[in-house]
Amino acid sequence: MAPPRPRPRTGGWRHSVTLALVAVAVVAALSVWVSRSPIFAMRSLRVDGNSHLTDGEVAALAGLSSRTNVVWFSPGDAVRRLLRDPWIRSAHVSRSLPTTIAIDVRERTPVAVVAAGRARFLVAADGVVLGAATDADVATLPTVPGPAGVAVRAGSRLDEPAAMGVAAGLTASLRHQVLRIALGPSGVELLMRAGVRVVYGDASAPEAKARSLAAVLAWARAHRVTPASIDVSAPSAPALRPVAGTGPGVAASAQGSGPGSVPPGSPPQPSRPAPKPSATPTR
């Protein structure tokens, strides 16, 4: 009679597999515990590019707090949160282990005030409404017409390309001198706070027309001429019509060495038919 065959041992490898699984679970648990420990708590935050929003406001918009863990923090989610605010045009967020987060934002700049009924709102060059305007904003920024029948609120976007393009092309100094921008019989027209009517024509070349307007105003101040109206629809040949008794009695085009350039002290040279000067500023 043959001896019985020995039974195969199965407990050994099962025990090894069990130990391996336990070890993996322990390592994973330790990793989670370490990653969520105070070792990786945010202790350093750098915010750059902001001027309207404070560092604290930017941090709150990004979803950061004293409990933020740098390991589990998502820069992509923070960027999406930041871009929901109309003041923020672009944002970049990065992290550096173990404790540092950096936020770089680019803010929109208000270039005009839009009137919507009795309400006034700040609007950026791309037409995004930034929020309510203060009396100080109304006193220092040009007003542009609001859209008819469209609700205006923070975060909405206006479709006023002509007026907004002209407002964006103005320098900060000129922007403070302009009361409103609107469409008139000659195209885009500006009314200065001093009462001077400025004809832009179409909305093309707004930067060149702004330089031309600044040069004509500088020439008028240097020659003690009070303008009634200025035409910069052809920025290389701007025309000024003075108030009667304050300077040359004909319309003149002050031409310089380049488009929109009027060297101080240069005598005005007539280049267009001279309309009869008015006794008061034309509005």
C-alpha atoms as a PDB file:
ATOM      1  CA  MET A   1       0.000   0.000   0.000  1.00  0.00           C
ATOM      2  CA  ALA A   2       1.397   3.346  -1.104  1.00  0.00           C
ATOM      3  CA  PRO A   3       2.009   6.011   1.554  1.00  0.00           C
ATOM      4  CA  PRO A   4      -0.401   9.029   1.554  1.00  0.00           C
ATOM      5  CA  ARG A   5       0.674  12.129  -0.377  1.00  0.00           C
ATOM      6  CA  PRO A   6       1.440  15.246   1.692  1.00  0.00           C
ATOM      7  CA  ARG A   7      -1.126  18.032   1.402  1.00  0.00           C
ATOM      8  CA  PRO A   8       0.144  21.312  -0.227  1.00  0.00           C
ATOM      9  CA  ARG A   9       0.731  24.148   2.162  1.00  0.00           C
ATOM     10  CA  THR A  10      -1.517  27.161   1.321  1.00  0.00           C
ATOM     11  CA  GLY A  11      -1.398  29.143   4.521  1.00  0.00           C
ATOM     12  CA  GLY A  12       2.071  30.561   3.889  1.00  0.00           C
ATOM     13  CA  TRP A  13       1.403  32.593   0.749  1.00  0.00           C
ATOM     14  CA  ARG A  14      -1.987  33.721   2.000  1.00  0.00           C
ATOM     15  CA  HIS A  15      -0.314  35.020   5.117  1.00  0.00           C
ATOM     16  CA  SER A  16       2.264  36.868   3.014  1.00  0.00           C
ATOM     17  CA  VAL A  17      -0.415  38.501   0.863  1.00  0.00           C
ATOM     18  CA  THR A  18      -2.318  39.573   3.954  1.00  0.00           C
ATOM     19  CA  LEU A  19       0.780  41.136   5.464  1.00  0.00           C
ATOM     20  CA  ALA A  20       1.520  42.964   2.226  1.00  0.00           C
ATOM     21  CA  LEU A  21      -2.010  44.391   2.036  1.00  0.00           C
ATOM     22  CA  VAL A  22      -1.820  45.496   5.657  1.00  0.00           C
ATOM     23  CA  ALA A  23       1.498  47.185   4.997  1.00  0.00           C
ATOM     24  CA  VAL A  24       0.122  49.045   1.966  1.00  0.00           C
ATOM     25  CA  ALA A  25      -2.897  50.187   3.984  1.00  0.00           C
ATOM     26  CA  VAL A  26      -0.670  51.392   6.807  1.00  0.00           C
ATOM     27  CA  VAL A  27       1.587  53.327   4.414  1.00  0.00           C
ATOM     28  CA  ALA A  28      -1.441  54.907   2.701  1.00  0.00           C
ATOM     29  CA  ALA A  29      -2.948  55.880   6.043  1.00  0.00           C
ATOM     30  CA  LEU A  30       0.343  57.356   7.188  1.00  0.00           C
ATOM     31  CA  SER A  31       0.671  59.284   3.915  1.00  0.00           C
ATOM     32  CA  VAL A  32      -2.811  60.763   4.296  1.00  0.00           C
ATOM     33  CA  TRP A  33      -2.131  61.605   7.928  1.00  0.00           C
ATOM     34  CA  VAL A  34       1.174  63.274   7.124  1.00  0.00           C
ATOM     35  CA  SER A  35      -0.251  65.207   4.160  1.00  0.00           C
ATOM     36  CA  ARG A  36      -3.077  66.528   6.296  1.00  0.00           C
ATOM     37  CA  SER A  37      -0.880  67.315   9.260  1.00  0.00           C
ATOM     38  CA  PRO A  38       0.106  70.861  10.290  1.00  0.00           C
ATOM     39  CA  ILE A  39       3.433  70.294   8.551  1.00  0.00           C
ATOM     40  CA  PHE A  40       1.770  71.301   5.251  1.00  0.00           C
ATOM     41  CA  ALA A  41      -0.479  74.061   6.594  1.00  0.00           C
ATOM     42  CA  MET A  42      -0.202  77.297   4.579  1.00  0.00           C
ATOM     43  CA  ARG A  43       2.087  79.670   6.425  1.00  0.00           C
ATOM     44  CA  SER A  44       3.243  81.917   3.568  1.00  0.00           C
ATOM     45  CA  LEU A  45       0.983  83.647   1.013  1.00  0.00           C
ATOM     46  CA  ARG A  46       2.298  85.978  -1.695  1.00  0.00           C
ATOM     47  CA  VAL A  47      -0.178  88.114  -3.671  1.00  0.00           C
ATOM     48  CA  ASP A  48       1.022  90.279  -6.593  1.00  0.00           C
ATOM     49  CA  GLY A  49      -0.637  92.476  -9.209  1.00  0.00           C
ATOM     50  CA  ASN A  50      -3.576  93.701  -7.138  1.00  0.00           C
ATOM     51  CA  SER A  51      -4.335  97.371  -6.503  1.00  0.00           C
ATOM     52  CA  HIS A  52      -8.129  97.608  -6.116  1.00  0.00           C
ATOM     53  CA  LEU A  53      -8.553  94.331  -4.239  1.00  0.00           C
ATOM     54  CA  THR A  54      -6.655  93.822  -0.990  1.00  0.00           C
ATOM     55  CA  ASP A  55      -4.451  90.793  -0.338  1.00  0.00           C
ATOM     56  CA  GLY A  56      -7.102  89.479   2.059  1.00  0.00           C
ATOM     57  CA  GLU A  57      -9.866  89.871  -0.518  1.00  0.00           C
ATOM     58  CA  VAL A  58      -7.806  88.014  -3.131  1.00  0.00           C
ATOM     59  CA  ALA A  59      -7.086  85.216  -0.647  1.00  0.00           C
ATOM     60  CA  ALA A  60     -10.776  84.909   0.255  1.00  0.00           C
ATOM     61  CA  LEU A  61     -11.783  84.823  -3.412  1.00  0.00           C
ATOM     62  CA  ALA A  62      -9.254  82.032  -3.992  1.00  0.00           C
ATOM     63  CA  GLY A  63     -10.789  80.031  -1.142  1.00  0.00           C
ATOM     64  CA  LEU A  64      -7.766  80.273   1.175  1.00  0.00           C
ATOM     65  CA  SER A  65      -8.005  80.252   4.953  1.00  0.00           C
ATOM     66  CA  SER A  66      -5.934  79.432   8.018  1.00  0.00           C
ATOM     67  CA  ARG A  67      -6.930  75.767   7.540  1.00  0.00           C
ATOM     68  CA  THR A  68      -5.652  75.520   3.945  1.00  0.00           C
ATOM     69  CA  ASN A  69      -3.400  72.515   3.382  1.00  0.00           C
ATOM     70  CA  VAL A  70      -0.848  73.121   0.634  1.00  0.00           C
ATOM     71  CA  VAL A  71      -0.737  69.461  -0.441  1.00  0.00           C
ATOM     72  CA  TRP A  72      -4.479  69.188  -0.989  1.00  0.00           C
ATOM     73  CA  PHE A  73      -4.928  72.729  -2.293  1.00  0.00           C
ATOM     74  CA  SER A  74      -5.955  72.939  -5.995  1.00  0.00           C
ATOM     75  CA  PRO A  75      -4.458  75.904  -7.905  1.00  0.00           C
ATOM     76  CA  GLY A  76      -6.872  75.308 -10.807  1.00  0.00           C
ATOM     77  CA  ASP A  77      -9.916  75.585  -8.554  1.00  0.00           C
ATOM     78  CA  ALA A  78      -8.479  78.768  -7.039  1.00  0.00           C
ATOM     79  CA  VAL A  79      -8.049  80.354 -10.480  1.00  0.00           C
ATOM     80  CA  ARG A  80     -11.651  79.554 -11.414  1.00  0.00           C
ATOM     81  CA  ARG A  81     -12.869  81.171  -8.192  1.00  0.00           C
ATOM     82  CA  LEU A  82     -10.760  84.279  -8.772  1.00  0.00           C
ATOM     83  CA  LEU A  83     -12.022  84.791 -12.321  1.00  0.00           C
ATOM     84  CA  ARG A  84     -15.599  84.975 -11.056  1.00  0.00           C
ATOM     85  CA  ASP A  85     -14.820  88.432  -9.683  1.00  0.00           C
ATOM     86  CA  PRO A  86     -15.240  91.111 -12.393  1.00  0.00           C
ATOM     87  CA  TRP A  87     -12.203  93.059 -11.176  1.00  0.00           C
ATOM     88  CA  ILE A  88      -9.852  90.162 -11.966  1.00  0.00           C
ATOM     89  CA  ARG A  89      -8.941  89.884 -15.654  1.00  0.00           C
ATOM     90  CA  SER A  90      -6.468  87.010 -15.298  1.00  0.00           C
ATOM     91  CA  ALA A  91      -4.912  84.965 -12.511  1.00  0.00           C
ATOM     92  CA  HIS A  92      -2.095  82.489 -11.954  1.00  0.00           C
ATOM     93  CA  VAL A  93      -1.825  80.413  -8.768  1.00  0.00           C
ATOM     94  CA  SER A  94       1.059  78.174  -7.727  1.00  0.00           C
ATOM     95  CA  ARG A  95       2.151  76.312  -4.609  1.00  0.00           C
ATOM     96  CA  SER A  96       5.521  75.420  -3.156  1.00  0.00           C
ATOM     97  CA  LEU A  97       5.789  72.673  -0.557  1.00  0.00           C
ATOM     98  CA  PRO A  98       5.624  72.588   2.302  1.00  0.00           C
ATOM     99  CA  THR A  99       3.852  75.843   3.241  1.00  0.00           C
ATOM    100  CA  THR A 100       3.791  78.484   0.448  1.00  0.00           C
ATOM    101  CA  ILE A 101       1.086  79.606  -2.021  1.00  0.00           C
ATOM    102  CA  ALA A 102       1.576  82.401  -4.583  1.00  0.00           C
ATOM    103  CA  ILE A 103      -1.163  84.295  -6.440  1.00  0.00           C
ATOM    104  CA  ASP A 104      -0.482  86.636  -9.363  1.00  0.00           C
ATOM    105  CA  VAL A 105      -3.503  88.581 -10.652  1.00  0.00           C
ATOM    106  CA  ARG A 106      -4.111  91.212 -13.330  1.00  0.00           C
ATOM    107  CA  GLU A 107      -6.949  93.553 -12.501  1.00  0.00           C
ATOM    108  CA  ARG A 108      -9.255  95.411 -14.855  1.00  0.00           C
ATOM    109  CA  THR A 109      -9.062  99.201 -14.781  1.00  0.00           C
ATOM    110  CA  PRO A 110     -12.207 101.342 -14.854  1.00  0.00           C
ATOM    111  CA  VAL A 111     -12.201 103.685 -17.852  1.00  0.00           C
ATOM    112  CA  ALA A 112     -15.743 105.059 -17.750  1.00  0.00           C
ATOM    113  CA  VAL A 113     -19.001 105.248 -15.841  1.00  0.00           C
ATOM    114  CA  VAL A 114     -22.115 103.781 -17.433  1.00  0.00           C
ATOM    115  CA  ALA A 115     -25.466 105.309 -16.614  1.00  0.00           C
ATOM    116  CA  ALA A 116     -28.356 102.891 -16.101  1.00  0.00           C
ATOM    117  CA  GLY A 117     -31.354 104.901 -14.973  1.00  0.00           C
ATOM    118  CA  ARG A 118     -30.375 106.550 -11.721  1.00  0.00           C
ATOM    119  CA  ALA A 119     -27.661 104.003 -11.049  1.00  0.00           C
ATOM    120  CA  ARG A 120     -24.041 104.466 -12.071  1.00  0.00           C
ATOM    121  CA  PHE A 121     -21.550 101.661 -12.631  1.00  0.00           C
ATOM    122  CA  LEU A 122     -17.821 101.457 -13.295  1.00  0.00           C
ATOM    123  CA  VAL A 123     -16.947  99.758 -16.571  1.00  0.00           C
ATOM    124  CA  ALA A 124     -13.600  98.460 -17.866  1.00  0.00           C
ATOM    125  CA  ALA A 125     -12.155  98.771 -21.365  1.00  0.00           C
ATOM    126  CA  ASP A 126     -13.484  95.338 -22.390  1.00  0.00           C
ATOM    127  CA  GLY A 127     -17.020  96.349 -21.379  1.00  0.00           C
ATOM    128  CA  VAL A 128     -17.134  94.342 -18.128  1.00  0.00           C
ATOM    129  CA  VAL A 129     -19.142  96.127 -15.428  1.00  0.00           C
ATOM    130  CA  LEU A 130     -17.013  96.246 -12.275  1.00  0.00           C
ATOM    131  CA  GLY A 131     -19.494  97.515  -9.707  1.00  0.00           C
ATOM    132  CA  ALA A 132     -21.247 100.608  -8.401  1.00  0.00           C
ATOM    133  CA  ALA A 133     -19.589 103.963  -9.077  1.00  0.00           C
ATOM    134  CA  THR A 134     -19.079 106.551  -6.362  1.00  0.00           C
ATOM    135  CA  ASP A 135     -19.497 110.317  -6.689  1.00  0.00           C
ATOM    136  CA  ALA A 136     -15.708 110.555  -6.933  1.00  0.00           C
ATOM    137  CA  ASP A 137     -15.741 108.135  -9.880  1.00  0.00           C
ATOM    138  CA  VAL A 138     -18.422 110.174 -11.661  1.00  0.00           C
ATOM    139  CA  ALA A 139     -16.346 113.316 -11.094  1.00  0.00           C
ATOM    140  CA  THR A 140     -13.172 111.846 -12.596  1.00  0.00           C
ATOM    141  CA  LEU A 141     -14.298 109.436 -15.351  1.00  0.00           C
ATOM    142  CA  PRO A 142     -16.312 110.017 -18.529  1.00  0.00           C
ATOM    143  CA  THR A 143     -19.892 108.794 -18.662  1.00  0.00           C
ATOM    144  CA  VAL A 144     -20.971 106.533 -21.517  1.00  0.00           C
ATOM    145  CA  PRO A 145     -24.566 105.698 -22.439  1.00  0.00           C
ATOM    146  CA  GLY A 146     -26.056 102.553 -20.964  1.00  0.00           C
ATOM    147  CA  PRO A 147     -27.691  99.874 -23.126  1.00  0.00           C
ATOM    148  CA  ALA A 148     -31.400 100.327 -23.683  1.00  0.00           C
ATOM    149  CA  GLY A 149     -33.594  97.672 -22.097  1.00  0.00           C
ATOM    150  CA  VAL A 150     -30.671  95.642 -20.727  1.00  0.00           C
ATOM    151  CA  ALA A 151     -30.079  95.187 -17.006  1.00  0.00           C
ATOM    152  CA  VAL A 152     -26.677  96.417 -15.885  1.00  0.00           C
ATOM    153  CA  ARG A 153     -25.030  94.669 -12.944  1.00  0.00           C
ATOM    154  CA  ALA A 154     -21.550  93.816 -11.730  1.00  0.00           C
ATOM    155  CA  GLY A 155     -20.030  91.123 -13.928  1.00  0.00           C
ATOM    156  CA  SER A 156     -22.198  91.804 -16.980  1.00  0.00           C
ATOM    157  CA  ARG A 157     -20.591  92.890 -20.240  1.00  0.00           C
ATOM    158  CA  LEU A 158     -21.691  95.926 -22.259  1.00  0.00           C
ATOM    159  CA  ASP A 159     -21.726  95.978 -26.032  1.00  0.00           C
ATOM    160  CA  GLU A 160     -20.630  99.585 -26.597  1.00  0.00           C
ATOM    161  CA  PRO A 161     -17.470  99.150 -28.694  1.00  0.00           C
ATOM    162  CA  ALA A 162     -17.243 102.712 -29.992  1.00  0.00           C
ATOM    163  CA  ALA A 163     -17.607 104.559 -26.693  1.00  0.00           C
ATOM    164  CA  MET A 164     -15.561 102.028 -24.740  1.00  0.00           C
ATOM    165  CA  GLY A 165     -12.759 102.011 -27.297  1.00  0.00           C
ATOM    166  CA  VAL A 166     -12.524 105.799 -27.162  1.00  0.00           C
ATOM    167  CA  ALA A 167     -12.561 105.803 -23.348  1.00  0.00           C
ATOM    168  CA  ALA A 168      -9.860 103.141 -23.225  1.00  0.00           C
ATOM    169  CA  GLY A 169      -7.663 105.135 -25.629  1.00  0.00           C
ATOM    170  CA  LEU A 170      -7.658 108.219 -23.403  1.00  0.00           C
ATOM    171  CA  THR A 171      -4.761 108.833 -21.064  1.00  0.00           C
ATOM    172  CA  ALA A 172      -5.608 109.028 -17.365  1.00  0.00           C
ATOM    173  CA  SER A 173      -5.164 112.802 -17.444  1.00  0.00           C
ATOM    174  CA  LEU A 174      -7.512 113.240 -20.415  1.00  0.00           C
ATOM    175  CA  ARG A 175     -10.015 110.792 -18.969  1.00  0.00           C
ATOM    176  CA  HIS A 176     -10.433 113.048 -15.943  1.00  0.00           C
ATOM    177  CA  GLN A 177     -11.222 116.007 -18.204  1.00  0.00           C
ATOM    178  CA  VAL A 178     -13.962 114.312 -20.226  1.00  0.00           C
ATOM    179  CA  LEU A 179     -17.527 114.605 -18.948  1.00  0.00           C
ATOM    180  CA  ARG A 180     -19.198 112.192 -21.364  1.00  0.00           C
ATOM    181  CA  ILE A 181     -18.729 110.217 -24.571  1.00  0.00           C
ATOM    182  CA  ALA A 182     -21.665 109.757 -26.925  1.00  0.00           C
ATOM    183  CA  LEU A 183     -22.646 109.373 -30.558  1.00  0.00           C
ATOM    184  CA  GLY A 184     -23.492 112.668 -32.244  1.00  0.00           C
ATOM    185  CA  PRO A 185     -24.179 113.935 -35.756  1.00  0.00           C
ATOM    186  CA  SER A 186     -20.444 113.781 -36.546  1.00  0.00           C
ATOM    187  CA  GLY A 187     -19.869 110.333 -35.060  1.00  0.00           C
ATOM    188  CA  VAL A 188     -18.280 109.860 -31.666  1.00  0.00           C
ATOM    189  CA  GLU A 189     -18.211 113.113 -29.715  1.00  0.00           C
ATOM    190  CA  LEU A 190     -16.667 114.049 -26.383  1.00  0.00           C
ATOM    191  CA  LEU A 191     -17.860 116.809 -24.097  1.00  0.00           C
ATOM    192  CA  MET A 192     -15.068 118.091 -21.889  1.00  0.00           C
ATOM    193  CA  ARG A 193     -15.835 119.244 -18.357  1.00  0.00           C
ATOM    194  CA  ALA A 194     -14.699 122.712 -19.442  1.00  0.00           C
ATOM    195  CA  GLY A 195     -17.492 122.746 -22.057  1.00  0.00           C
ATOM    196  CA  VAL A 196     -15.354 122.011 -25.126  1.00  0.00           C
ATOM    197  CA  ARG A 197     -16.952 119.781 -27.771  1.00  0.00           C
ATOM    198  CA  VAL A 198     -14.512 117.327 -29.343  1.00  0.00           C
ATOM    199  CA  VAL A 199     -15.306 115.542 -32.596  1.00  0.00           C
ATOM    200  CA  TYR A 200     -13.711 112.102 -32.958  1.00  0.00           C
ATOM    201  CA  GLY A 201     -15.582 111.003 -36.075  1.00  0.00           C
ATOM    202  CA  ASP A 202     -15.492 107.215 -36.151  1.00  0.00           C
ATOM    203  CA  ALA A 203     -13.998 105.158 -33.349  1.00  0.00           C
ATOM    204  CA  SER A 204     -10.825 104.237 -35.250  1.00  0.00           C
ATOM    205  CA  ALA A 205      -7.306 105.103 -34.000  1.00  0.00           C
ATOM    206  CA  PRO A 206      -8.443 106.161 -30.498  1.00  0.00           C
ATOM    207  CA  GLU A 207      -4.891 106.402 -29.128  1.00  0.00           C
ATOM    208  CA  ALA A 208      -3.731 108.648 -31.991  1.00  0.00           C
ATOM    209  CA  LYS A 209      -6.779 110.879 -31.576  1.00  0.00           C
ATOM    210  CA  ALA A 210      -6.186 111.088 -27.831  1.00  0.00           C
ATOM    211  CA  ARG A 211      -2.572 112.172 -28.414  1.00  0.00           C
ATOM    212  CA  SER A 212      -3.770 114.742 -30.923  1.00  0.00           C
ATOM    213  CA  LEU A 213      -6.373 116.078 -28.496  1.00  0.00           C
ATOM    214  CA  ALA A 214      -3.798 116.362 -25.696  1.00  0.00           C
ATOM    215  CA  ALA A 215      -1.419 118.225 -28.017  1.00  0.00           C
ATOM    216  CA  VAL A 216      -4.092 120.692 -29.148  1.00  0.00           C
ATOM    217  CA  LEU A 217      -5.134 121.390 -25.565  1.00  0.00           C
ATOM    218  CA  ALA A 218      -1.498 121.989 -24.612  1.00  0.00           C
ATOM    219  CA  TRP A 219      -1.076 124.360 -27.565  1.00  0.00           C
ATOM    220  CA  ALA A 220      -4.246 126.233 -26.585  1.00  0.00           C
ATOM    221  CA  ARG A 221      -3.033 126.681 -23.006  1.00  0.00           C
ATOM    222  CA  ALA A 222       0.366 127.901 -24.164  1.00  0.00           C
ATOM    223  CA  HIS A 223      -1.262 130.498 -26.452  1.00  0.00           C
ATOM    224  CA  ARG A 224      -4.081 131.439 -24.045  1.00  0.00           C
ATOM    225  CA  VAL A 225      -6.690 130.264 -26.489  1.00  0.00           C
ATOM    226  CA  THR A 226     -10.009 129.010 -25.112  1.00  0.00           C
ATOM    227  CA  PRO A 227     -11.335 126.311 -27.456  1.00  0.00           C
ATOM    228  CA  ALA A 228     -15.016 126.216 -28.325  1.00  0.00           C
ATOM    229  CA  SER A 229     -14.595 122.966 -30.265  1.00  0.00           C
ATOM    230  CA  ILE A 230     -11.820 120.662 -31.417  1.00  0.00           C
ATOM    231  CA  ASP A 231     -11.882 118.222 -34.313  1.00  0.00           C
ATOM    232  CA  VAL A 232      -9.449 115.296 -34.186  1.00  0.00           C
ATOM    233  CA  SER A 233     -11.267 113.047 -36.644  1.00  0.00           C
ATOM    234  CA  ALA A 234      -8.070 113.364 -38.735  1.00  0.00           C
ATOM    235  CA  PRO A 235      -5.520 113.119 -35.910  1.00  0.00           C
ATOM    236  CA  SER A 236      -2.586 114.268 -38.038  1.00  0.00           C
ATOM    237  CA  ALA A 237      -4.427 117.510 -38.877  1.00  0.00           C
ATOM    238  CA  PRO A 238      -6.516 118.527 -35.851  1.00  0.00           C
ATOM    239  CA  ALA A 239      -8.649 121.663 -36.002  1.00  0.00           C
ATOM    240  CA  LEU A 240      -9.496 124.085 -33.204  1.00  0.00           C
ATOM    241  CA  ARG A 241     -12.262 126.685 -33.172  1.00  0.00           C
ATOM    242  CA  PRO A 242     -11.651 129.244 -30.419  1.00  0.00           C
ATOM    243  CA  VAL A 243     -14.143 131.163 -28.366  1.00  0.00           C
ATOM    244  CA  ALA A 244     -14.406 134.679 -29.808  1.00  0.00           C
ATOM    245  CA  GLY A 245     -11.825 137.068 -28.409  1.00  0.00           C
ATOM    246  CA  THR A 246      -9.496 134.420 -26.944  1.00  0.00           C
ATOM    247  CA  GLY A 247      -7.230 133.765 -29.905  1.00  0.00           C
ATOM    248  CA  PRO A 248      -7.134 133.533 -33.695  1.00  0.00           C
ATOM    249  CA  GLY A 249     -10.495 134.289 -35.206  1.00  0.00           C
ATOM    250  CA  VAL A 250     -10.411 131.404 -37.648  1.00  0.00           C
ATOM    251  CA  ALA A 251     -10.404 127.682 -37.322  1.00  0.00           C
ATOM    252  CA  ALA A 252      -6.838 126.415 -37.392  1.00  0.00           C
ATOM    253  CA  SER A 253      -5.091 123.133 -37.732  1.00  0.00           C
ATOM    254  CA  ALA A 254      -1.964 122.897 -35.596  1.00  0.00           C
ATOM    255  CA  GLN A 255       0.370 120.516 -37.379  1.00  0.00           C
ATOM    256  CA  GLY A 256       3.518 119.026 -35.959  1.00  0.00           C
ATOM    257  CA  SER A 257       6.106 116.511 -36.878  1.00  0.00           C
ATOM    258  CA  GLY A 258       3.835 113.457 -36.677  1.00  0.00           C
ATOM    259  CA  PRO A 259       0.289 112.257 -36.274  1.00  0.00           C
ATOM    260  CA  GLY A 260      -1.332 113.983 -33.330  1.00  0.00           C
ATOM    261  CA  SER A 261       1.794 115.997 -32.559  1.00  0.00           C
ATOM    262  CA  VAL A 262       1.583 119.749 -31.992  1.00  0.00           C
ATOM    263  CA  PRO A 263       4.840 121.307 -30.831  1.00  0.00           C
ATOM    264  CA  PRO A 264       4.203 124.050 -28.226  1.00  0.00           C
ATOM    265  CA  GLY A 265       4.803 127.462 -29.721  1.00  0.00           C
ATOM    266  CA  SER A 266       4.045 126.440 -33.287  1.00  0.00           C
ATOM    267  CA  PRO A 267       1.753 128.925 -35.006  1.00  0.00           C
ATOM    268  CA  PRO A 268      -1.584 127.448 -36.069  1.00  0.00           C
ATOM    269  CA  GLN A 269      -1.883 126.911 -39.771  1.00  0.00           C
ATOM    270  CA  PRO A 270      -5.319 127.072 -41.389  1.00  0.00           C
ATOM    271  CA  SER A 271      -6.047 123.830 -43.178  1.00  0.00           C
ATOM    272  CA  ARG A 272      -9.826 123.692 -43.302  1.00  0.00           C
ATOM    273  CA  PRO A 273     -12.625 126.106 -44.166  1.00  0.00           C
ATOM    274  CA  ALA A 274     -12.889 128.533 -41.300  1.00  0.00           C
ATOM    275  CA  PRO A 275     -16.333 128.512 -39.678  1.00  0.00           C
ATOM    276  CA  LYS A 276     -17.482 131.687 -37.993  1.00  0.00           C
ATOM    277  CA  PRO A 277     -16.312 131.616 -34.363  1.00  0.00           C
ATOM    278  CA  SER A 278     -19.077 131.424 -31.783  1.00  0.00           C
ATOM    279  CA  ALA A 279     -19.257 133.696 -28.765  1.00  0.00           C
ATOM    280  CA  THR A 280     -19.785 130.817 -26.358  1.00  0.00           C
ATOM    281  CA  PRO A 281     -18.483 127.248 -26.215  1.00  0.00           C
ATOM    282  CA  THR A 282     -20.388 124.861 -28.468  1.00  0.00           C
ATOM    283  CA  ARG A 283     -21.923 121.948 -26.615  1.00  0.00           C
END
